[in-house]
Amino acid sequence: AQRTMFGSQNNYDAPTAPAAPVQTVISGGGRIWMDRNLGASQVATGVTDVISYGDLYEWGRATDGHQLRTASITTTQSTTDSPVNSLFIVGAGDWRNPSNNNLWQGVNGINNPCPSGFRIPTKAEWEIEIASWNTQNKEGAFASPLKLPTPGFRDNNGGGVMNGGINGDYWASTIDGTNSFIMYIHVGAGTVSFPRTYGFACRCIKE
């Protein structure tokens, strides 16, 4: 009888399904961005489109579960770049103690939550986009190619999710002392810095 030999050539890893391609759009500022917020299942159909809101990240954290709007809270800060759990950390200005200003810096940055080749935009990159809008407010932000909705934010004290459909707040990678910058859209639009324990939306830009 013929004997079948099982040599090392058969010890291969099963092929993995390729990652879904990242859907992109060219912005008014001429850059390639993701066409939706991190964690969102679709492009916004309106400024208050709940399905397009996506997740709410604390600045500098990876996609570890804390970004889910239903994540439980804790007041215990993390001493490392990777907290030991997926809890949303409240009650202080930073979830990490001591702070680490090197998080989210560039496409290879520590804890970069964006898909491969993408990163969190800088304050200056957000300001270029704001300047390209017809109106510098939430209506202009949605009318732009980025179709930015108003996902609200998560409070850094009690952890409440609030102002969905009213405020649009998006993290930038740029630091400001112990805070970090966001781009905000409401009745106006601009950049301002906030404590890193707030939960804000993320929109990724291509490197």
Protein backbone atom coordinates (compact mmCIF):
# COMPACT_ATOMS: atom_id res chain seq x y z
CA ALA A 1 0.00 0.00 0.00
CA GLN A 2 1.17 3.50 -0.76
CA ARG A 3 2.23 5.43 2.28
CA THR A 4 1.53 9.17 2.49
CA MET A 5 4.34 11.17 3.99
CA PHE A 6 3.50 14.25 6.00
CA GLY A 7 6.58 16.38 5.81
CA SER A 8 7.29 19.83 7.07
CA GLN A 9 6.02 21.31 3.83
CA ASN A 10 2.50 20.61 5.08
CA ASN A 11 2.99 22.53 8.29
CA TYR A 12 1.70 25.83 7.04
CA ASP A 13 -0.53 28.44 8.60
CA ALA A 14 -4.04 28.53 7.23
CA PRO A 15 -4.53 31.64 5.13
CA THR A 16 -6.24 34.48 6.96
CA ALA A 17 -8.92 36.58 5.34
CA PRO A 18 -7.51 39.91 4.15
CA ALA A 19 -8.50 42.92 6.16
CA ALA A 20 -11.40 44.85 4.71
CA PRO A 21 -10.12 47.80 2.68
CA VAL A 22 -10.34 51.14 4.44
CA GLN A 23 -12.89 53.37 2.76
CA THR A 24 -11.44 56.83 2.14
CA VAL A 25 -12.35 60.28 0.86
CA ILE A 26 -10.27 63.23 -0.34
CA SER A 27 -10.96 66.19 1.94
CA GLY A 28 -11.35 69.87 1.16
CA GLY A 29 -7.77 70.27 2.35
CA GLY A 30 -6.61 67.81 -0.31
CA ARG A 31 -5.72 64.96 2.06
CA ILE A 32 -6.89 61.35 2.17
CA TRP A 33 -8.99 60.56 5.25
CA MET A 34 -11.15 57.68 6.40
CA ASP A 35 -14.70 58.37 5.22
CA ARG A 36 -16.19 57.63 8.65
CA ASN A 37 -15.41 57.87 12.36
CA LEU A 38 -13.51 55.10 14.11
CA GLY A 39 -16.03 52.51 15.27
CA ALA A 40 -18.79 53.74 12.94
CA SER A 41 -20.44 51.31 10.55
CA GLN A 42 -21.36 53.89 7.93
CA VAL A 43 -20.68 57.32 6.49
CA ALA A 44 -22.88 59.96 8.10
CA THR A 45 -26.17 60.59 6.30
CA GLY A 46 -26.75 63.69 8.41
CA VAL A 47 -25.16 65.65 11.21
CA THR A 48 -27.25 63.72 13.80
CA ASP A 49 -26.92 60.24 12.24
CA VAL A 50 -26.43 58.07 15.34
CA ILE A 51 -25.09 55.07 13.39
CA SER A 52 -22.21 57.23 12.12
CA TYR A 53 -21.12 58.53 15.52
CA GLY A 54 -18.58 55.80 16.27
CA ASP A 55 -16.60 55.30 19.45
CA LEU A 56 -15.34 57.75 22.08
CA TYR A 57 -11.63 57.41 22.88
CA GLU A 58 -9.58 58.76 25.71
CA TRP A 59 -6.53 60.52 24.26
CA GLY A 60 -3.61 58.21 23.68
CA ARG A 61 -5.38 54.93 24.37
CA ALA A 62 -5.54 51.98 22.03
CA THR A 63 -8.71 50.26 20.86
CA ASP A 64 -8.99 48.18 24.02
CA GLY A 65 -12.72 48.35 24.75
CA HIS A 66 -12.69 51.56 26.79
CA GLN A 67 -13.86 53.45 23.70
CA LEU A 68 -17.25 51.74 23.64
CA ARG A 69 -20.01 54.05 24.82
CA THR A 70 -21.20 51.35 27.23
CA ALA A 71 -17.79 50.70 28.83
CA SER A 72 -17.83 50.75 32.62
CA ILE A 73 -15.77 53.34 34.49
CA THR A 74 -13.01 53.32 37.09
CA THR A 75 -11.08 56.01 38.94
CA THR A 76 -7.89 53.93 39.01
CA GLN A 77 -5.25 55.42 36.71
CA SER A 78 -2.94 53.25 34.65
CA THR A 79 0.82 53.25 35.26
CA THR A 80 1.49 51.83 31.78
CA ASP A 81 0.54 52.64 28.17
CA SER A 82 -1.79 49.63 28.16
CA PRO A 83 -4.29 49.62 31.04
CA VAL A 84 -4.92 46.21 32.57
CA ASN A 85 -8.61 46.39 31.70
CA SER A 86 -11.03 48.00 29.23
CA LEU A 87 -12.54 50.43 31.72
CA PHE A 88 -13.03 54.13 30.95
CA ILE A 89 -10.78 55.96 33.43
CA VAL A 90 -12.32 59.04 35.07
CA GLY A 91 -11.67 61.44 37.91
CA ALA A 92 -8.29 62.86 36.85
CA GLY A 93 -6.82 64.88 34.00
CA ASP A 94 -5.04 61.89 32.49
CA TRP A 95 -5.81 58.18 32.50
CA ARG A 96 -2.07 57.48 32.69
CA ASN A 97 0.07 58.34 35.71
CA PRO A 98 2.66 59.51 34.96
CA SER A 99 1.52 61.03 31.67
CA ASN A 100 3.14 60.00 28.38
CA ASN A 101 3.25 62.72 25.73
CA ASN A 102 4.56 60.30 23.10
CA LEU A 103 1.27 58.47 22.59
CA TRP A 104 -0.55 58.72 19.23
CA GLN A 105 2.40 60.55 17.62
CA GLY A 106 2.42 59.56 13.95
CA VAL A 107 1.49 56.46 11.99
CA ASN A 108 3.84 54.31 14.09
CA GLY A 109 2.87 56.03 17.32
CA ILE A 110 2.26 54.11 20.52
CA ASN A 111 -1.41 53.01 20.78
CA ASN A 112 -2.30 54.45 17.35
CA PRO A 113 -5.95 53.32 17.04
CA CYS A 114 -6.16 53.90 13.29
CA PRO A 115 -5.87 51.29 10.51
CA SER A 116 -2.43 50.60 9.03
CA GLY A 117 -1.11 53.64 7.17
CA PHE A 118 -3.46 56.02 8.99
CA ARG A 119 -3.04 58.12 12.13
CA ILE A 120 -4.75 60.70 14.32
CA PRO A 121 -4.51 64.14 12.63
CA THR A 122 -2.61 67.05 14.14
CA LYS A 123 -4.16 70.30 15.35
CA ALA A 124 -2.77 72.06 12.24
CA GLU A 125 -4.30 69.44 9.92
CA TRP A 126 -7.70 69.93 11.48
CA GLU A 127 -7.37 73.71 11.12
CA ILE A 128 -6.65 73.32 7.39
CA GLU A 129 -9.89 71.37 7.05
CA ILE A 130 -11.93 73.91 9.01
CA ALA A 131 -10.65 76.67 6.72
CA SER A 132 -11.81 74.69 3.66
CA TRP A 133 -15.46 74.48 4.78
CA ASN A 134 -18.13 76.79 3.39
CA THR A 135 -19.19 77.61 6.95
CA GLN A 136 -17.13 77.06 10.09
CA ASN A 137 -19.76 75.19 12.09
CA LYS A 138 -21.37 71.76 12.28
CA GLU A 139 -23.35 72.36 9.10
CA GLY A 140 -20.18 73.21 7.20
CA ALA A 141 -18.42 70.19 8.69
CA PHE A 142 -21.12 67.85 7.44
CA ALA A 143 -21.32 69.54 4.03
CA SER A 144 -17.58 68.98 3.58
CA PRO A 145 -16.22 65.78 1.96
CA LEU A 146 -15.52 64.44 5.46
CA LYS A 147 -19.26 64.50 6.33
CA LEU A 148 -18.51 64.93 10.02
CA PRO A 149 -21.42 64.19 12.39
CA THR A 150 -21.90 65.37 15.99
CA PRO A 151 -21.18 62.30 18.14
CA GLY A 152 -21.14 64.09 21.49
CA PHE A 153 -18.54 63.19 24.10
CA ARG A 154 -17.95 61.22 27.27
CA ASP A 155 -17.44 63.21 30.46
CA ASN A 156 -14.21 62.66 32.41
CA ASN A 157 -15.83 62.94 35.81
CA GLY A 158 -18.86 60.66 35.93
CA GLY A 159 -18.31 59.04 32.55
CA GLY A 160 -21.67 60.12 31.16
CA VAL A 161 -22.15 60.21 27.39
CA MET A 162 -23.72 63.53 26.45
CA ASN A 163 -24.56 66.10 23.76
CA GLY A 164 -24.92 63.62 20.90
CA GLY A 165 -26.42 65.47 17.94
CA ILE A 166 -25.25 68.79 19.40
CA ASN A 167 -21.46 68.67 19.82
CA GLY A 168 -18.88 67.21 17.48
CA ASP A 169 -15.51 66.82 19.17
CA TYR A 170 -12.59 65.03 17.51
CA TRP A 171 -9.16 64.32 18.97
CA ALA A 172 -5.94 65.66 17.47
CA SER A 173 -2.54 64.13 18.22
CA THR A 174 -1.10 67.50 19.26
CA ILE A 175 -0.40 67.95 22.97
CA ASP A 176 -0.87 71.08 25.09
CA GLY A 177 0.95 70.72 28.39
CA THR A 178 -0.87 67.95 30.24
CA ASN A 179 -3.88 68.29 27.91
CA SER A 180 -4.31 67.49 24.21
CA PHE A 181 -6.12 69.31 21.43
CA ILE A 182 -9.48 68.56 19.89
CA MET A 183 -11.29 69.94 16.86
CA TYR A 184 -14.80 70.99 17.84
CA ILE A 185 -17.90 71.71 15.77
CA HIS A 186 -21.00 73.29 17.27
CA VAL A 187 -22.28 76.77 16.49
CA GLY A 188 -18.68 77.45 15.50
CA ALA A 189 -15.61 75.35 14.79
CA GLY A 190 -12.03 75.49 15.99
CA THR A 191 -9.42 73.79 18.13
CA VAL A 192 -9.06 73.81 21.91
CA SER A 193 -7.32 71.59 24.44
CA PHE A 194 -8.98 69.24 26.91
CA PRO A 195 -7.92 66.78 29.62
CA ARG A 196 -7.01 63.41 28.15
CA THR A 197 -9.65 61.55 30.15
CA TYR A 198 -12.49 62.94 28.07
CA GLY A 199 -13.94 60.56 25.51
CA PHE A 200 -14.00 62.10 22.02
CA ALA A 201 -14.49 60.78 18.50
CA CYS A 202 -11.60 59.97 16.18
CA ARG A 203 -11.25 60.41 12.43
CA CYS A 204 -8.07 59.08 10.89
CA ILE A 205 -5.92 60.72 8.20
CA LYS A 206 -3.64 58.84 5.81
CA GLU A 207 0.09 59.33 6.31
